[in-house]
Amino acid sequence: MRRSDRRRRRDLYRCVNNKWTRVENIQGYCKTTVTVKEAQQNLHHTVELNELTNSLIQASFCYLTMASLYERADVALPGFNKLMTKLWEEDMKHARELMKYVNKRGGYINIEWIVS
């Protein structure tokens, strides 16, 4: 076997009677029917984190709506536009950080529809 073949080769495993064995024959793939449990690392508060993420996203879109209102020519309040844009960016950043945390810990993110 050449060195380049060894690098490309991946170890394949199959499950027979709840015992995992290494497959020597690379050409045959085995699909298992055994379900694999997903790992969650000390994440017992996903519901609260999802609620917080949803509230941050909804607040950020309210800030974005207000920023677009203050940007209009007939209102023309550039200071408020800048403030609301900054608040929108911060809330979206915090929501994104929460989503990354939940994903890293093995949880699921449920983003709800934005109620107008």
N, C-alpha and C. Protein backbone atom coordinates (compact mmCIF):
# COMPACT_ATOMS: atom_id res chain seq x y z
N MET A 1 0.85 -1.17 0.00
CA MET A 1 0.00 0.00 0.00
C MET A 1 0.89 1.24 0.00
N ARG A 2 0.57 2.18 -0.87
CA ARG A 2 1.37 3.40 -0.95
C ARG A 2 1.02 4.33 0.20
N ARG A 3 1.91 5.25 0.45
CA ARG A 3 1.71 6.19 1.55
C ARG A 3 0.50 7.08 1.30
N SER A 4 0.28 7.50 0.06
CA SER A 4 -0.86 8.35 -0.26
C SER A 4 -2.18 7.60 -0.05
N ASP A 5 -2.19 6.29 -0.28
CA ASP A 5 -3.40 5.51 -0.05
C ASP A 5 -3.73 5.44 1.44
N ARG A 6 -2.69 5.37 2.26
CA ARG A 6 -2.92 5.32 3.69
C ARG A 6 -3.54 6.62 4.20
N ARG A 7 -3.13 7.72 3.62
CA ARG A 7 -3.68 9.01 4.07
C ARG A 7 -5.14 9.15 3.71
N ARG A 8 -5.52 8.70 2.55
CA ARG A 8 -6.90 8.85 2.09
C ARG A 8 -7.84 7.84 2.73
N ARG A 9 -7.31 6.76 3.22
CA ARG A 9 -8.14 5.69 3.77
C ARG A 9 -8.73 6.13 5.11
N ARG A 10 -9.97 5.86 5.29
CA ARG A 10 -10.64 6.19 6.54
C ARG A 10 -11.03 4.89 7.24
N ASP A 11 -10.99 4.92 8.55
CA ASP A 11 -11.41 3.74 9.30
C ASP A 11 -12.92 3.67 9.31
N LEU A 12 -13.45 2.53 8.93
CA LEU A 12 -14.88 2.31 8.93
C LEU A 12 -15.22 1.28 9.99
N TYR A 13 -16.34 1.49 10.64
CA TYR A 13 -16.78 0.58 11.69
C TYR A 13 -18.20 0.14 11.41
N ARG A 14 -18.53 -1.05 11.87
CA ARG A 14 -19.90 -1.53 11.76
C ARG A 14 -20.32 -2.13 13.09
N CYS A 15 -21.61 -2.14 13.30
CA CYS A 15 -22.17 -2.64 14.55
C CYS A 15 -22.87 -3.97 14.30
N VAL A 16 -22.41 -5.00 14.98
CA VAL A 16 -23.04 -6.32 14.90
C VAL A 16 -23.27 -6.77 16.33
N ASN A 17 -24.54 -6.97 16.67
CA ASN A 17 -24.92 -7.40 18.02
C ASN A 17 -24.38 -6.44 19.10
N ASN A 18 -24.54 -5.16 18.84
CA ASN A 18 -24.10 -4.10 19.75
C ASN A 18 -22.60 -4.11 20.03
N LYS A 19 -21.81 -4.64 19.11
CA LYS A 19 -20.35 -4.60 19.22
C LYS A 19 -19.81 -3.94 17.96
N TRP A 20 -19.01 -2.93 18.16
CA TRP A 20 -18.42 -2.20 17.02
C TRP A 20 -17.10 -2.85 16.63
N THR A 21 -16.97 -3.19 15.36
CA THR A 21 -15.74 -3.77 14.86
C THR A 21 -15.26 -2.97 13.66
N ARG A 22 -13.96 -2.98 13.48
CA ARG A 22 -13.37 -2.25 12.37
C ARG A 22 -13.53 -3.04 11.08
N VAL A 23 -13.92 -2.35 10.03
CA VAL A 23 -14.12 -3.00 8.74
C VAL A 23 -12.79 -2.96 7.99
N GLU A 24 -12.31 -4.12 7.62
CA GLU A 24 -11.04 -4.19 6.90
C GLU A 24 -11.25 -3.93 5.42
N ASN A 25 -12.40 -4.31 4.90
CA ASN A 25 -12.68 -4.13 3.49
C ASN A 25 -13.24 -2.73 3.27
N ILE A 26 -12.49 -1.87 2.62
CA ILE A 26 -12.89 -0.48 2.43
C ILE A 26 -14.05 -0.37 1.46
N GLN A 27 -14.21 -1.32 0.57
CA GLN A 27 -15.22 -1.21 -0.48
C GLN A 27 -16.64 -1.37 0.05
N GLY A 28 -16.85 -2.08 1.13
CA GLY A 28 -18.20 -2.30 1.64
C GLY A 28 -18.53 -1.38 2.80
N TYR A 29 -19.64 -0.68 2.70
CA TYR A 29 -20.08 0.19 3.78
C TYR A 29 -21.24 -0.47 4.49
N CYS A 30 -21.34 -0.28 5.76
CA CYS A 30 -22.39 -0.88 6.55
C CYS A 30 -23.20 0.23 7.21
N LYS A 31 -24.50 0.25 6.94
CA LYS A 31 -25.38 1.20 7.60
C LYS A 31 -25.94 0.53 8.84
N THR A 32 -25.83 1.20 9.95
CA THR A 32 -26.29 0.62 11.21
C THR A 32 -27.68 1.11 11.54
N THR A 33 -28.43 0.29 12.23
CA THR A 33 -29.76 0.69 12.68
C THR A 33 -29.75 1.06 14.16
N VAL A 34 -28.60 0.98 14.79
CA VAL A 34 -28.48 1.34 16.19
C VAL A 34 -28.44 2.86 16.30
N THR A 35 -29.31 3.42 17.13
CA THR A 35 -29.31 4.87 17.29
C THR A 35 -28.19 5.28 18.23
N VAL A 36 -27.56 6.37 17.89
CA VAL A 36 -26.48 6.89 18.70
C VAL A 36 -27.01 8.06 19.51
N LYS A 37 -26.80 8.02 20.81
CA LYS A 37 -27.27 9.10 21.66
C LYS A 37 -26.39 10.32 21.46
N GLU A 38 -27.04 11.47 21.40
CA GLU A 38 -26.28 12.71 21.23
C GLU A 38 -25.78 13.18 22.60
N ALA A 39 -24.63 13.76 22.58
CA ALA A 39 -24.04 14.23 23.82
C ALA A 39 -24.47 15.65 24.11
N GLN A 40 -24.97 15.87 25.30
CA GLN A 40 -25.26 17.21 25.77
C GLN A 40 -24.40 17.45 26.99
N GLN A 41 -23.64 18.51 26.96
CA GLN A 41 -22.67 18.75 28.01
C GLN A 41 -23.24 19.76 29.01
N ASN A 42 -23.84 19.25 30.08
CA ASN A 42 -24.39 20.08 31.16
C ASN A 42 -25.28 21.20 30.63
N LEU A 43 -26.18 20.86 29.74
CA LEU A 43 -27.08 21.85 29.16
C LEU A 43 -28.51 21.46 29.53
N HIS A 44 -28.97 21.96 30.67
CA HIS A 44 -30.29 21.60 31.14
C HIS A 44 -31.27 22.76 31.00
N HIS A 45 -30.82 23.89 30.51
CA HIS A 45 -31.65 25.09 30.44
C HIS A 45 -31.80 25.58 29.01
N THR A 46 -32.04 24.69 28.09
CA THR A 46 -32.18 25.10 26.69
C THR A 46 -33.44 25.91 26.46
N VAL A 47 -34.51 25.62 27.18
CA VAL A 47 -35.76 26.36 26.99
C VAL A 47 -35.56 27.83 27.35
N GLU A 48 -34.90 28.09 28.47
CA GLU A 48 -34.65 29.47 28.89
C GLU A 48 -33.72 30.18 27.92
N LEU A 49 -32.69 29.47 27.44
CA LEU A 49 -31.77 30.08 26.48
C LEU A 49 -32.46 30.38 25.16
N ASN A 50 -33.36 29.49 24.73
CA ASN A 50 -34.11 29.74 23.50
C ASN A 50 -35.04 30.93 23.66
N GLU A 51 -35.70 31.05 24.84
CA GLU A 51 -36.56 32.20 25.07
C GLU A 51 -35.76 33.50 25.08
N LEU A 52 -34.59 33.47 25.70
CA LEU A 52 -33.75 34.66 25.72
C LEU A 52 -33.26 35.02 24.32
N THR A 53 -32.87 34.02 23.55
CA THR A 53 -32.43 34.27 22.18
C THR A 53 -33.56 34.87 21.34
N ASN A 54 -34.76 34.32 21.48
CA ASN A 54 -35.89 34.84 20.74
C ASN A 54 -36.23 36.28 21.14
N SER A 55 -36.15 36.57 22.43
CA SER A 55 -36.45 37.94 22.86
C SER A 55 -35.38 38.92 22.37
N LEU A 56 -34.13 38.49 22.34
CA LEU A 56 -33.06 39.36 21.82
C LEU A 56 -33.24 39.62 20.32
N ILE A 57 -33.61 38.59 19.58
CA ILE A 57 -33.82 38.77 18.14
C ILE A 57 -35.01 39.67 17.88
N GLN A 58 -36.09 39.49 18.64
CA GLN A 58 -37.27 40.34 18.45
C GLN A 58 -36.96 41.79 18.81
N ALA A 59 -36.21 42.02 19.90
CA ALA A 59 -35.84 43.38 20.28
C ALA A 59 -34.93 44.01 19.22
N SER A 60 -34.03 43.20 18.67
CA SER A 60 -33.11 43.75 17.67
C SER A 60 -33.86 44.19 16.41
N PHE A 61 -34.90 43.44 16.04
CA PHE A 61 -35.67 43.86 14.87
C PHE A 61 -36.52 45.08 15.17
N CYS A 62 -36.93 45.27 16.42
CA CYS A 62 -37.61 46.51 16.78
C CYS A 62 -36.65 47.69 16.65
N TYR A 63 -35.41 47.51 17.11
CA TYR A 63 -34.40 48.56 16.95
C TYR A 63 -34.13 48.86 15.49
N LEU A 64 -34.09 47.81 14.66
CA LEU A 64 -33.85 48.01 13.24
C LEU A 64 -35.00 48.79 12.60
N THR A 65 -36.23 48.49 13.01
CA THR A 65 -37.38 49.21 12.49
C THR A 65 -37.32 50.68 12.89
N MET A 66 -36.97 50.94 14.15
CA MET A 66 -36.86 52.33 14.59
C MET A 66 -35.73 53.06 13.88
N ALA A 67 -34.62 52.36 13.62
CA ALA A 67 -33.50 52.98 12.91
C ALA A 67 -33.92 53.38 11.51
N SER A 68 -34.69 52.51 10.85
CA SER A 68 -35.13 52.87 9.50
C SER A 68 -36.14 54.02 9.54
N LEU A 69 -36.93 54.13 10.61
CA LEU A 69 -37.85 55.26 10.74
C LEU A 69 -37.08 56.57 10.91
N TYR A 70 -36.06 56.56 11.77
CA TYR A 70 -35.30 57.79 12.02
C TYR A 70 -34.40 58.16 10.85
N GLU A 71 -34.20 57.27 9.91
CA GLU A 71 -33.35 57.55 8.75
C GLU A 71 -34.14 58.23 7.63
N ARG A 72 -35.46 58.17 7.70
CA ARG A 72 -36.27 58.75 6.64
C ARG A 72 -36.03 60.24 6.51
N ALA A 73 -36.27 60.77 5.32
CA ALA A 73 -36.00 62.18 5.03
C ALA A 73 -36.94 63.11 5.79
N ASP A 74 -38.21 62.71 5.99
CA ASP A 74 -39.15 63.60 6.66
C ASP A 74 -38.97 63.61 8.18
N VAL A 75 -38.30 62.57 8.75
CA VAL A 75 -38.02 62.55 10.18
C VAL A 75 -36.62 63.07 10.44
N ALA A 76 -35.64 62.51 9.75
CA ALA A 76 -34.25 62.97 9.74
C ALA A 76 -33.68 63.24 11.13
N LEU A 77 -33.55 62.18 11.92
CA LEU A 77 -32.88 62.26 13.22
C LEU A 77 -31.67 61.33 13.19
N PRO A 78 -30.55 61.81 12.65
CA PRO A 78 -29.40 60.93 12.45
C PRO A 78 -28.80 60.39 13.76
N GLY A 79 -28.91 61.13 14.85
CA GLY A 79 -28.38 60.64 16.12
C GLY A 79 -29.15 59.43 16.62
N PHE A 80 -30.49 59.49 16.51
CA PHE A 80 -31.31 58.35 16.91
C PHE A 80 -31.10 57.17 15.97
N ASN A 81 -30.91 57.46 14.70
CA ASN A 81 -30.64 56.39 13.73
C ASN A 81 -29.36 55.65 14.11
N LYS A 82 -28.33 56.40 14.45
CA LYS A 82 -27.05 55.79 14.83
C LYS A 82 -27.19 54.97 16.12
N LEU A 83 -27.94 55.52 17.10
CA LEU A 83 -28.14 54.81 18.36
C LEU A 83 -28.91 53.50 18.15
N MET A 84 -29.98 53.56 17.39
CA MET A 84 -30.79 52.36 17.17
C MET A 84 -30.03 51.31 16.36
N THR A 85 -29.22 51.75 15.41
CA THR A 85 -28.40 50.81 14.64
C THR A 85 -27.38 50.12 15.53
N LYS A 86 -26.80 50.89 16.45
CA LYS A 86 -25.82 50.31 17.38
C LYS A 86 -26.50 49.29 18.30
N LEU A 87 -27.69 49.64 18.81
CA LEU A 87 -28.42 48.71 19.67
C LEU A 87 -28.82 47.44 18.92
N TRP A 88 -29.20 47.59 17.65
CA TRP A 88 -29.55 46.44 16.82
C TRP A 88 -28.35 45.50 16.66
N GLU A 89 -27.18 46.09 16.36
CA GLU A 89 -25.97 45.27 16.20
C GLU A 89 -25.60 44.54 17.48
N GLU A 90 -25.71 45.23 18.63
CA GLU A 90 -25.36 44.60 19.90
C GLU A 90 -26.30 43.45 20.24
N ASP A 91 -27.60 43.65 20.05
CA ASP A 91 -28.55 42.58 20.37
C ASP A 91 -28.36 41.38 19.45
N MET A 92 -28.12 41.62 18.17
CA MET A 92 -27.88 40.50 17.26
C MET A 92 -26.59 39.77 17.62
N LYS A 93 -25.59 40.51 18.06
CA LYS A 93 -24.32 39.89 18.47
C LYS A 93 -24.54 39.00 19.70
N HIS A 94 -25.31 39.50 20.68
CA HIS A 94 -25.57 38.69 21.88
C HIS A 94 -26.41 37.46 21.55
N ALA A 95 -27.38 37.62 20.66
CA ALA A 95 -28.20 36.46 20.26
C ALA A 95 -27.34 35.43 19.55
N ARG A 96 -26.44 35.88 18.70
CA ARG A 96 -25.56 34.97 17.97
C ARG A 96 -24.62 34.23 18.93
N GLU A 97 -24.12 34.94 19.95
CA GLU A 97 -23.27 34.28 20.94
C GLU A 97 -24.02 33.21 21.72
N LEU A 98 -25.28 33.50 22.07
CA LEU A 98 -26.09 32.48 22.75
C LEU A 98 -26.32 31.27 21.86
N MET A 99 -26.57 31.52 20.57
CA MET A 99 -26.78 30.40 19.64
C MET A 99 -25.52 29.55 19.52
N LYS A 100 -24.36 30.19 19.47
CA LYS A 100 -23.11 29.44 19.40
C LYS A 100 -22.90 28.60 20.66
N TYR A 101 -23.26 29.16 21.81
CA TYR A 101 -23.11 28.43 23.08
C TYR A 101 -24.00 27.19 23.10
N VAL A 102 -25.26 27.36 22.70
CA VAL A 102 -26.19 26.22 22.71
C VAL A 102 -25.72 25.15 21.72
N ASN A 103 -25.26 25.56 20.54
CA ASN A 103 -24.75 24.60 19.56
C ASN A 103 -23.51 23.87 20.07
N LYS A 104 -22.63 24.60 20.73
CA LYS A 104 -21.41 24.00 21.25
C LYS A 104 -21.72 22.95 22.32
N ARG A 105 -22.76 23.20 23.10
CA ARG A 105 -23.13 22.28 24.17
C ARG A 105 -24.02 21.14 23.71
N GLY A 106 -24.42 21.13 22.44
CA GLY A 106 -25.21 20.03 21.92
C GLY A 106 -26.71 20.22 22.00
N GLY A 107 -27.15 21.45 22.21
CA GLY A 107 -28.58 21.72 22.30
C GLY A 107 -29.15 22.10 20.95
N TYR A 108 -30.44 22.37 20.95
CA TYR A 108 -31.13 22.77 19.72
C TYR A 108 -31.66 24.19 19.88
N ILE A 109 -31.63 24.94 18.80
CA ILE A 109 -32.11 26.31 18.80
C ILE A 109 -33.45 26.35 18.09
N ASN A 110 -34.44 26.94 18.75
CA ASN A 110 -35.76 27.13 18.17
C ASN A 110 -36.03 28.62 18.05
N ILE A 111 -35.97 29.14 16.84
CA ILE A 111 -36.24 30.55 16.63
C ILE A 111 -37.69 30.67 16.19
N GLU A 112 -38.45 31.48 16.93
CA GLU A 112 -39.86 31.64 16.65
C GLU A 112 -40.08 32.76 15.65
N TRP A 113 -41.30 32.79 15.11
CA TRP A 113 -41.66 33.85 14.18
C TRP A 113 -41.70 35.18 14.93
N ILE A 114 -41.33 36.22 14.23
CA ILE A 114 -41.36 37.56 14.83
C ILE A 114 -42.78 38.09 14.70
N VAL A 115 -43.37 38.44 15.84
CA VAL A 115 -44.74 38.94 15.85
C VAL A 115 -44.70 40.44 15.62
N SER A 116 -45.46 40.88 14.63
CA SER A 116 -45.45 42.31 14.34
C SER A 116 -46.56 43.03 15.08
